[in-house]
Amino acid sequence: MATLPPGGGPKDQYDLGYGYVLRKDYPLAEQTFRDFLRRYPGDRLALDAQYWLGESLFLQKNFREAADAFLVLTQKAGTNPKGADAFLRLGQSLAALNQKDMACASFAQVGARYPRASVNVKQAVEREQKRVHCL
């Protein structure tokens, strides 16, 4: 069970969840970020919390819920750099669910919406497009 110090605010809860990610305790990270998003949906860390929720699910191989979490982020991210990462992970989740066409469409969104995405993200997208056999 994720426990916060008395009077802990959004940043404390976010840091707690991220600490669970770093320790590879993905079920506790998932629980902590779900709680964060329920309690602080408008917080400045909400987009990052949404990403780490998706990542926690993805790393537990819960690809259906991970895809849902990343889809929510892609719809809210706007120009936030996390959007490029979310489209990459959305595509990977969809590929794991054997939804190739949707996965390829997600990968394509990285270049279309985030031309300034990091080199690492762009290279990962190219690798995934080849792996999934996108045209």
C-alpha atoms as a PDB file:
ATOM      1  CA  MET A   1       0.000   0.000   0.000  1.00  0.00           C
ATOM      2  CA  ALA A   2       1.347   3.400  -0.973  1.00  0.00           C
ATOM      3  CA  THR A   3       1.541   5.652   2.047  1.00  0.00           C
ATOM      4  CA  LEU A   4       2.192   9.368   2.102  1.00  0.00           C
ATOM      5  CA  PRO A   5       3.538  11.411   4.973  1.00  0.00           C
ATOM      6  CA  PRO A   6       0.841  13.417   6.793  1.00  0.00           C
ATOM      7  CA  GLY A   7       0.057  16.577   4.877  1.00  0.00           C
ATOM      8  CA  GLY A   8       1.777  15.258   1.739  1.00  0.00           C
ATOM      9  CA  GLY A   9       0.756  17.181  -1.345  1.00  0.00           C
ATOM     10  CA  PRO A  10       0.740  16.391  -5.055  1.00  0.00           C
ATOM     11  CA  LYS A  11       4.521  16.623  -5.465  1.00  0.00           C
ATOM     12  CA  ASP A  12       5.058  14.211  -2.552  1.00  0.00           C
ATOM     13  CA  GLN A  13       2.634  11.699  -4.028  1.00  0.00           C
ATOM     14  CA  TYR A  14       4.149  12.043  -7.506  1.00  0.00           C
ATOM     15  CA  ASP A  15       7.651  11.533  -6.091  1.00  0.00           C
ATOM     16  CA  LEU A  16       6.447   8.480  -4.173  1.00  0.00           C
ATOM     17  CA  GLY A  17       5.028   6.944  -7.366  1.00  0.00           C
ATOM     18  CA  TYR A  18       8.164   7.749  -9.328  1.00  0.00           C
ATOM     19  CA  GLY A  19      10.249   6.171  -6.573  1.00  0.00           C
ATOM     20  CA  TYR A  20       8.249   2.973  -7.019  1.00  0.00           C
ATOM     21  CA  VAL A  21       8.988   3.091 -10.769  1.00  0.00           C
ATOM     22  CA  LEU A  22      12.713   3.453 -10.061  1.00  0.00           C
ATOM     23  CA  ARG A  23      12.542   0.477  -7.696  1.00  0.00           C
ATOM     24  CA  LYS A  24      10.643  -1.481 -10.356  1.00  0.00           C
ATOM     25  CA  ASP A  25       7.663  -1.895  -8.032  1.00  0.00           C
ATOM     26  CA  TYR A  26       5.206  -1.346 -10.863  1.00  0.00           C
ATOM     27  CA  PRO A  27       2.008  -2.439  -9.054  1.00  0.00           C
ATOM     28  CA  LEU A  28       2.611   0.155  -6.314  1.00  0.00           C
ATOM     29  CA  ALA A  29       3.600   2.760  -8.905  1.00  0.00           C
ATOM     30  CA  GLU A  30       0.367   2.049 -10.788  1.00  0.00           C
ATOM     31  CA  GLN A  31      -1.705   2.397  -7.615  1.00  0.00           C
ATOM     32  CA  THR A  32       0.071   5.607  -6.564  1.00  0.00           C
ATOM     33  CA  PHE A  33      -0.320   7.288  -9.965  1.00  0.00           C
ATOM     34  CA  ARG A  34      -3.989   6.242 -10.258  1.00  0.00           C
ATOM     35  CA  ASP A  35      -4.589   7.816  -6.857  1.00  0.00           C
ATOM     36  CA  PHE A  36      -2.620  10.932  -7.847  1.00  0.00           C
ATOM     37  CA  LEU A  37      -4.705  11.396 -11.003  1.00  0.00           C
ATOM     38  CA  ARG A  38      -7.945  10.884  -9.073  1.00  0.00           C
ATOM     39  CA  ARG A  39      -6.944  13.422  -6.404  1.00  0.00           C
ATOM     40  CA  TYR A  40      -5.062  15.995  -8.511  1.00  0.00           C
ATOM     41  CA  PRO A  41      -6.342  15.825 -12.119  1.00  0.00           C
ATOM     42  CA  GLY A  42      -5.462  19.459 -12.813  1.00  0.00           C
ATOM     43  CA  ASP A  43      -2.021  19.481 -11.218  1.00  0.00           C
ATOM     44  CA  ARG A  44       0.972  20.520 -13.335  1.00  0.00           C
ATOM     45  CA  LEU A  45       2.394  16.993 -12.814  1.00  0.00           C
ATOM     46  CA  ALA A  46      -0.780  15.271 -14.067  1.00  0.00           C
ATOM     47  CA  LEU A  47       0.547  14.675 -17.602  1.00  0.00           C
ATOM     48  CA  ASP A  48       3.741  13.133 -16.244  1.00  0.00           C
ATOM     49  CA  ALA A  49       1.713  11.050 -13.778  1.00  0.00           C
ATOM     50  CA  GLN A  50      -0.464   9.821 -16.664  1.00  0.00           C
ATOM     51  CA  TYR A  51       2.673   8.794 -18.552  1.00  0.00           C
ATOM     52  CA  TRP A  52       4.100   6.904 -15.567  1.00  0.00           C
ATOM     53  CA  LEU A  53       0.751   5.202 -14.991  1.00  0.00           C
ATOM     54  CA  GLY A  54       0.892   3.941 -18.575  1.00  0.00           C
ATOM     55  CA  GLU A  55       4.530   2.950 -18.197  1.00  0.00           C
ATOM     56  CA  SER A  56       3.780   1.034 -14.983  1.00  0.00           C
ATOM     57  CA  LEU A  57       1.013  -0.876 -16.776  1.00  0.00           C
ATOM     58  CA  PHE A  58       3.191  -1.480 -19.848  1.00  0.00           C
ATOM     59  CA  LEU A  59       6.033  -2.891 -17.756  1.00  0.00           C
ATOM     60  CA  GLN A  60       3.537  -5.242 -16.080  1.00  0.00           C
ATOM     61  CA  LYS A  61       2.612  -6.387 -19.607  1.00  0.00           C
ATOM     62  CA  ASN A  62      -0.921  -5.084 -19.106  1.00  0.00           C
ATOM     63  CA  PHE A  63      -0.948  -3.777 -22.665  1.00  0.00           C
ATOM     64  CA  ARG A  64      -4.702  -3.099 -22.950  1.00  0.00           C
ATOM     65  CA  GLU A  65      -4.777  -0.758 -19.934  1.00  0.00           C
ATOM     66  CA  ALA A  66      -1.396   0.702 -20.890  1.00  0.00           C
ATOM     67  CA  ALA A  67      -2.781   1.563 -24.331  1.00  0.00           C
ATOM     68  CA  ASP A  68      -5.776   3.238 -22.683  1.00  0.00           C
ATOM     69  CA  ALA A  69      -3.512   5.267 -20.364  1.00  0.00           C
ATOM     70  CA  PHE A  70      -1.230   6.377 -23.199  1.00  0.00           C
ATOM     71  CA  LEU A  71      -4.235   7.219 -25.398  1.00  0.00           C
ATOM     72  CA  VAL A  72      -5.553   9.553 -22.679  1.00  0.00           C
ATOM     73  CA  LEU A  73      -2.150  11.230 -22.562  1.00  0.00           C
ATOM     74  CA  THR A  74      -1.940  11.645 -26.354  1.00  0.00           C
ATOM     75  CA  GLN A  75      -5.295  13.422 -26.257  1.00  0.00           C
ATOM     76  CA  LYS A  76      -4.210  15.824 -23.495  1.00  0.00           C
ATOM     77  CA  ALA A  77      -0.513  16.344 -24.220  1.00  0.00           C
ATOM     78  CA  GLY A  78      -0.709  19.077 -26.846  1.00  0.00           C
ATOM     79  CA  THR A  79       2.879  20.153 -27.406  1.00  0.00           C
ATOM     80  CA  ASN A  80       4.158  18.581 -24.167  1.00  0.00           C
ATOM     81  CA  PRO A  81       7.198  16.429 -25.055  1.00  0.00           C
ATOM     82  CA  LYS A  82       5.619  13.518 -23.144  1.00  0.00           C
ATOM     83  CA  GLY A  83       3.190  13.279 -26.062  1.00  0.00           C
ATOM     84  CA  ALA A  84       5.877  11.846 -28.344  1.00  0.00           C
ATOM     85  CA  ASP A  85       6.803   9.252 -25.709  1.00  0.00           C
ATOM     86  CA  ALA A  86       3.119   8.441 -25.221  1.00  0.00           C
ATOM     87  CA  PHE A  87       2.558   7.828 -28.954  1.00  0.00           C
ATOM     88  CA  LEU A  88       5.616   5.555 -29.008  1.00  0.00           C
ATOM     89  CA  ARG A  89       4.373   3.528 -26.027  1.00  0.00           C
ATOM     90  CA  LEU A  90       0.811   3.532 -27.369  1.00  0.00           C
ATOM     91  CA  GLY A  91       2.124   2.014 -30.588  1.00  0.00           C
ATOM     92  CA  GLN A  92       4.159  -0.571 -28.683  1.00  0.00           C
ATOM     93  CA  SER A  93       1.127  -1.489 -26.580  1.00  0.00           C
ATOM     94  CA  LEU A  94      -1.066  -1.837 -29.659  1.00  0.00           C
ATOM     95  CA  ALA A  95       1.591  -3.939 -31.402  1.00  0.00           C
ATOM     96  CA  ALA A  96       1.667  -6.250 -28.366  1.00  0.00           C
ATOM     97  CA  LEU A  97      -2.120  -6.570 -28.756  1.00  0.00           C
ATOM     98  CA  ASN A  98      -1.657  -7.532 -32.442  1.00  0.00           C
ATOM     99  CA  GLN A  99      -3.255  -4.310 -33.651  1.00  0.00           C
ATOM    100  CA  LYS A 100      -0.612  -3.584 -36.278  1.00  0.00           C
ATOM    101  CA  ASP A 101      -2.428  -0.913 -38.285  1.00  0.00           C
ATOM    102  CA  MET A 102      -3.278   1.111 -35.194  1.00  0.00           C
ATOM    103  CA  ALA A 103       0.264   0.650 -33.866  1.00  0.00           C
ATOM    104  CA  CYS A 104       1.738   1.950 -37.124  1.00  0.00           C
ATOM    105  CA  ALA A 105      -0.655   4.914 -37.086  1.00  0.00           C
ATOM    106  CA  SER A 106       0.495   5.742 -33.547  1.00  0.00           C
ATOM    107  CA  PHE A 107       4.155   5.573 -34.519  1.00  0.00           C
ATOM    108  CA  ALA A 108       3.479   7.876 -37.481  1.00  0.00           C
ATOM    109  CA  GLN A 109       1.993  10.498 -35.136  1.00  0.00           C
ATOM    110  CA  VAL A 110       5.375  11.036 -33.463  1.00  0.00           C
ATOM    111  CA  GLY A 111       6.909  12.533 -36.612  1.00  0.00           C
ATOM    112  CA  ALA A 112       3.711  14.299 -37.619  1.00  0.00           C
ATOM    113  CA  ARG A 113       2.949  15.975 -34.293  1.00  0.00           C
ATOM    114  CA  TYR A 114       6.377  16.109 -32.655  1.00  0.00           C
ATOM    115  CA  PRO A 115       8.978  16.933 -35.321  1.00  0.00           C
ATOM    116  CA  ARG A 116      11.282  18.093 -32.517  1.00  0.00           C
ATOM    117  CA  ALA A 117      10.989  14.850 -30.530  1.00  0.00           C
ATOM    118  CA  SER A 118      14.244  13.627 -29.030  1.00  0.00           C
ATOM    119  CA  VAL A 119      16.624  11.591 -31.168  1.00  0.00           C
ATOM    120  CA  ASN A 120      16.096   8.646 -28.813  1.00  0.00           C
ATOM    121  CA  VAL A 121      12.331   8.698 -29.349  1.00  0.00           C
ATOM    122  CA  LYS A 122      12.692   9.062 -33.126  1.00  0.00           C
ATOM    123  CA  GLN A 123      15.158   6.157 -33.270  1.00  0.00           C
ATOM    124  CA  ALA A 124      12.874   4.012 -31.116  1.00  0.00           C
ATOM    125  CA  VAL A 125       9.953   4.785 -33.441  1.00  0.00           C
ATOM    126  CA  GLU A 126      12.033   3.750 -36.476  1.00  0.00           C
ATOM    127  CA  ARG A 127      13.040   0.479 -34.764  1.00  0.00           C
ATOM    128  CA  GLU A 128       9.433  -0.265 -33.836  1.00  0.00           C
ATOM    129  CA  GLN A 129       8.162   0.546 -37.332  1.00  0.00           C
ATOM    130  CA  LYS A 130      10.634  -1.972 -38.754  1.00  0.00           C
ATOM    131  CA  ARG A 131       9.854  -4.568 -36.085  1.00  0.00           C
ATOM    132  CA  VAL A 132       6.093  -4.306 -36.645  1.00  0.00           C
ATOM    133  CA  HIS A 133       6.586  -4.041 -40.452  1.00  0.00           C
ATOM    134  CA  CYS A 134       4.863  -0.692 -40.926  1.00  0.00           C
ATOM    135  CA  LEU A 135       4.905   0.578 -44.511  1.00  0.00           C
END
